[in-house]
Amino acid sequence: MFIIAGLGNPGSRYEHTRHNAGFEALDRLSDRYRIPVNTKKFQALCGTGAIEGQKALLLKPQTYMNLSGESIRAACDFYKVDPEEGLIVLYDDISLPPGQLRIREKGSAGGHNGIKSIIAHLGTQNFARIKIGVGEKPSGFDLADYVLSRFDKEAWEQMEPAFGRAAEAAVRLLYEDPERVMNEFNTKTKTAS
């Protein structure tokens, strides 16, 4: 069993915001593999199904970003999933250009409160994560206001393929060597000029 968690904030107020990039990528996985993410369990919306022959739980914590670790820990405990072997987390990253992906097998929270919560609750930094670039905060913007702001039409069009690529990267991590997946997906994406 693998757990693939997309991070975000629940409710229509936060739909299509930068901080919900993880939810968006998870939605692409849900659609592609016809795994409805509508069961309420582990303080999350979740669904189980098969992805390329692997049993997977798709998880969208409903705890708000800063408490994501509570939900993920509960799911890992219930399914006896070792996070170092069977957890993949999808989330937004302001240090990457919009649409750029960065896959890591471990690492610090890098200032991301959702990841801080997961590390605190799991007691390890060693779990796979797929960072989805949402662009740097413009000067003069409050960080919280920026990540909770919605993408404009142009930015959304730039992000849409990234959500699909993040979903594809998560699928590949289920059965391929992580180093190979990182080499393919961590390359810079071309932006339209």
Protein backbone atom coordinates (compact mmCIF):
# COMPACT_ATOMS: atom_id res chain seq x y z
CA MET A 1 0.00 0.00 0.00
CA PHE A 2 1.21 3.47 -0.92
CA ILE A 3 -0.18 6.72 0.43
CA ILE A 4 -0.15 9.64 -1.97
CA ALA A 5 -1.09 12.84 -0.15
CA GLY A 6 -1.84 16.17 -1.80
CA LEU A 7 -1.60 19.17 0.51
CA GLY A 8 -3.98 22.10 0.56
CA ASN A 9 -6.72 23.83 2.51
CA PRO A 10 -10.34 22.62 2.47
CA GLY A 11 -13.31 24.62 1.25
CA SER A 12 -14.27 26.64 -1.82
CA ARG A 13 -12.53 29.74 -0.43
CA TYR A 14 -9.16 28.07 -1.13
CA GLU A 15 -9.90 26.40 -4.47
CA HIS A 16 -7.34 27.19 -7.19
CA THR A 17 -5.00 28.96 -4.77
CA ARG A 18 -1.23 28.49 -4.90
CA HIS A 19 -1.26 26.64 -1.56
CA ASN A 20 -3.67 24.05 -3.02
CA ALA A 21 -1.32 22.89 -5.78
CA GLY A 22 -1.05 19.51 -4.02
CA PHE A 23 -4.84 19.08 -4.07
CA GLU A 24 -4.88 19.96 -7.79
CA ALA A 25 -2.24 17.34 -8.64
CA LEU A 26 -4.04 14.72 -6.56
CA ASP A 27 -7.28 15.52 -8.41
CA ARG A 28 -5.50 14.69 -11.70
CA LEU A 29 -4.48 11.29 -10.26
CA SER A 30 -8.01 10.69 -8.99
CA ASP A 31 -9.48 11.44 -12.43
CA ARG A 32 -6.90 9.45 -14.39
CA TYR A 33 -7.26 6.28 -12.32
CA ARG A 34 -10.96 6.72 -11.50
CA ILE A 35 -10.36 6.71 -7.75
CA PRO A 36 -12.99 8.95 -6.13
CA VAL A 37 -11.53 10.96 -3.25
CA ASN A 38 -14.74 11.39 -1.28
CA THR A 39 -14.54 9.09 1.77
CA LYS A 40 -14.16 10.96 5.07
CA LYS A 41 -11.49 9.25 7.16
CA PHE A 42 -8.23 10.26 8.90
CA GLN A 43 -9.43 13.92 9.03
CA ALA A 44 -9.21 13.79 5.24
CA LEU A 45 -11.02 13.05 2.04
CA CYS A 46 -9.58 9.85 0.62
CA GLY A 47 -10.06 7.00 -1.78
CA THR A 48 -8.34 3.69 -2.43
CA GLY A 49 -7.69 1.99 -5.71
CA ALA A 50 -5.08 0.50 -8.00
CA ILE A 51 -2.49 2.60 -9.81
CA GLU A 52 -0.38 0.67 -12.30
CA GLY A 53 -0.86 -2.51 -10.26
CA GLN A 54 -0.05 -0.89 -6.91
CA LYS A 55 -2.65 -0.44 -4.18
CA ALA A 56 -2.82 3.23 -3.25
CA LEU A 57 -4.65 5.56 -0.90
CA LEU A 58 -5.17 9.05 -2.29
CA LEU A 59 -5.41 11.50 0.61
CA LYS A 60 -6.42 15.17 0.87
CA PRO A 61 -6.05 16.26 4.52
CA GLN A 62 -8.93 18.50 5.60
CA THR A 63 -7.09 19.78 8.68
CA TYR A 64 -5.81 22.95 7.01
CA MET A 65 -2.23 23.05 5.82
CA ASN A 66 -0.49 23.63 9.16
CA LEU A 67 -1.93 20.42 10.66
CA SER A 68 -1.49 18.10 7.65
CA GLY A 69 0.74 15.77 9.66
CA GLU A 70 -2.15 14.69 11.92
CA SER A 71 -4.07 13.26 8.98
CA ILE A 72 -1.07 11.66 7.27
CA ARG A 73 0.14 10.07 10.52
CA ALA A 74 -3.32 8.57 11.16
CA ALA A 75 -3.42 7.05 7.65
CA CYS A 76 0.15 5.69 7.91
CA ASP A 77 -0.65 4.12 11.29
CA PHE A 78 -3.92 2.59 10.10
CA TYR A 79 -2.42 0.99 6.97
CA LYS A 80 0.95 0.26 8.67
CA VAL A 81 2.74 2.20 5.94
CA ASP A 82 6.38 3.08 6.60
CA PRO A 83 6.58 6.72 5.40
CA GLU A 84 10.16 6.18 4.26
CA GLU A 85 8.97 3.44 1.87
CA GLY A 86 5.36 4.17 1.00
CA LEU A 87 4.49 7.88 1.34
CA ILE A 88 4.54 10.47 -1.44
CA VAL A 89 3.53 14.08 -0.68
CA LEU A 90 2.56 16.64 -3.36
CA TYR A 91 2.69 20.32 -2.42
CA ASP A 92 3.36 23.90 -3.51
CA ASP A 93 6.80 25.51 -3.43
CA ILE A 94 7.39 29.27 -3.74
CA SER A 95 11.13 28.84 -4.34
CA LEU A 96 10.50 27.21 -7.73
CA PRO A 97 9.30 29.00 -10.88
CA PRO A 98 5.63 28.41 -11.76
CA GLY A 99 5.13 24.92 -13.16
CA GLN A 100 8.63 23.65 -12.27
CA LEU A 101 8.76 20.33 -10.37
CA ARG A 102 11.35 19.14 -7.89
CA ILE A 103 11.25 15.60 -6.53
CA ARG A 104 13.15 14.68 -3.37
CA GLU A 105 13.36 11.46 -1.35
CA LYS A 106 13.96 13.36 1.90
CA GLY A 107 14.80 16.79 3.25
CA SER A 108 13.84 19.60 5.56
CA ALA A 109 10.55 21.48 5.49
CA GLY A 110 12.17 24.45 3.76
CA GLY A 111 9.77 26.78 5.57
CA HIS A 112 6.62 24.97 4.36
CA ASN A 113 4.23 24.61 7.31
CA GLY A 114 2.47 21.55 5.91
CA ILE A 115 5.77 19.69 5.57
CA LYS A 116 6.86 20.90 9.04
CA SER A 117 3.70 19.34 10.47
CA ILE A 118 4.26 16.05 8.61
CA ILE A 119 7.89 15.81 9.79
CA ALA A 120 6.83 16.58 13.38
CA HIS A 121 4.07 13.93 13.38
CA LEU A 122 6.02 11.22 11.56
CA GLY A 123 9.31 11.84 13.35
CA THR A 124 11.25 11.62 10.07
CA GLN A 125 12.21 13.81 7.11
CA ASN A 126 12.73 10.72 4.96
CA PHE A 127 9.69 10.54 2.70
CA ALA A 128 9.24 11.24 -1.00
CA ARG A 129 7.89 14.61 -1.96
CA ILE A 130 7.00 16.31 -5.19
CA LYS A 131 7.28 20.08 -5.01
CA ILE A 132 5.19 22.05 -7.49
CA GLY A 133 6.58 25.50 -8.23
CA VAL A 134 4.08 28.34 -7.81
CA GLY A 135 6.54 31.20 -8.20
CA GLU A 136 8.26 33.56 -5.84
CA LYS A 137 6.28 35.97 -3.69
CA PRO A 138 6.33 39.45 -5.27
CA SER A 139 8.07 42.07 -3.13
CA GLY A 140 5.68 43.90 -0.85
CA PHE A 141 3.32 40.90 -0.66
CA ASP A 142 2.62 39.12 2.61
CA LEU A 143 3.61 35.45 2.22
CA ALA A 144 0.29 34.10 3.56
CA ASP A 145 -1.67 36.43 1.26
CA TYR A 146 0.41 35.30 -1.71
CA VAL A 147 0.08 31.53 -1.22
CA LEU A 148 -3.63 31.89 -0.44
CA SER A 149 -4.24 33.95 -3.58
CA ARG A 150 -5.75 32.40 -6.69
CA PHE A 151 -3.87 31.98 -9.94
CA ASP A 152 -4.91 34.44 -12.63
CA LYS A 153 -6.00 32.99 -16.00
CA GLU A 154 -2.51 33.14 -17.54
CA ALA A 155 -0.82 31.61 -14.48
CA TRP A 156 -3.49 28.89 -14.29
CA GLU A 157 -2.82 27.92 -17.93
CA GLN A 158 0.88 27.68 -17.05
CA MET A 159 0.17 25.55 -13.96
CA GLU A 160 -2.34 23.14 -15.49
CA PRO A 161 0.29 20.95 -17.24
CA ALA A 162 2.42 20.98 -14.06
CA PHE A 163 -0.40 19.39 -12.03
CA GLY A 164 -0.59 16.57 -14.58
CA ARG A 165 3.20 16.15 -14.61
CA ALA A 166 3.27 16.02 -10.78
CA ALA A 167 0.60 13.31 -10.87
CA GLU A 168 2.62 11.38 -13.46
CA ALA A 169 5.78 11.71 -11.32
CA ALA A 170 3.89 10.27 -8.33
CA VAL A 171 2.78 7.29 -10.43
CA ARG A 172 6.33 6.66 -11.64
CA LEU A 173 7.66 6.74 -8.05
CA LEU A 174 5.43 3.74 -7.30
CA TYR A 175 7.44 1.40 -9.51
CA GLU A 176 10.57 3.11 -10.85
CA ASP A 177 13.95 3.94 -9.37
CA PRO A 178 13.51 7.35 -7.66
CA GLU A 179 16.83 8.60 -9.06
CA ARG A 180 15.60 7.99 -12.60
CA VAL A 181 12.29 9.75 -11.92
CA MET A 182 14.13 12.73 -10.39
CA ASN A 183 16.47 12.97 -13.39
CA GLU A 184 13.49 13.15 -15.73
CA PHE A 185 11.12 15.43 -13.81
CA ASN A 186 13.56 17.79 -12.07
CA THR A 187 14.69 19.32 -15.38
CA LYS A 188 13.67 22.90 -16.02
CA THR A 189 10.43 23.31 -17.91
CA LYS A 190 10.21 25.65 -20.86
CA THR A 191 7.91 28.59 -20.25
CA ALA A 192 6.00 30.27 -23.03
CA SER A 193 7.47 33.62 -24.04
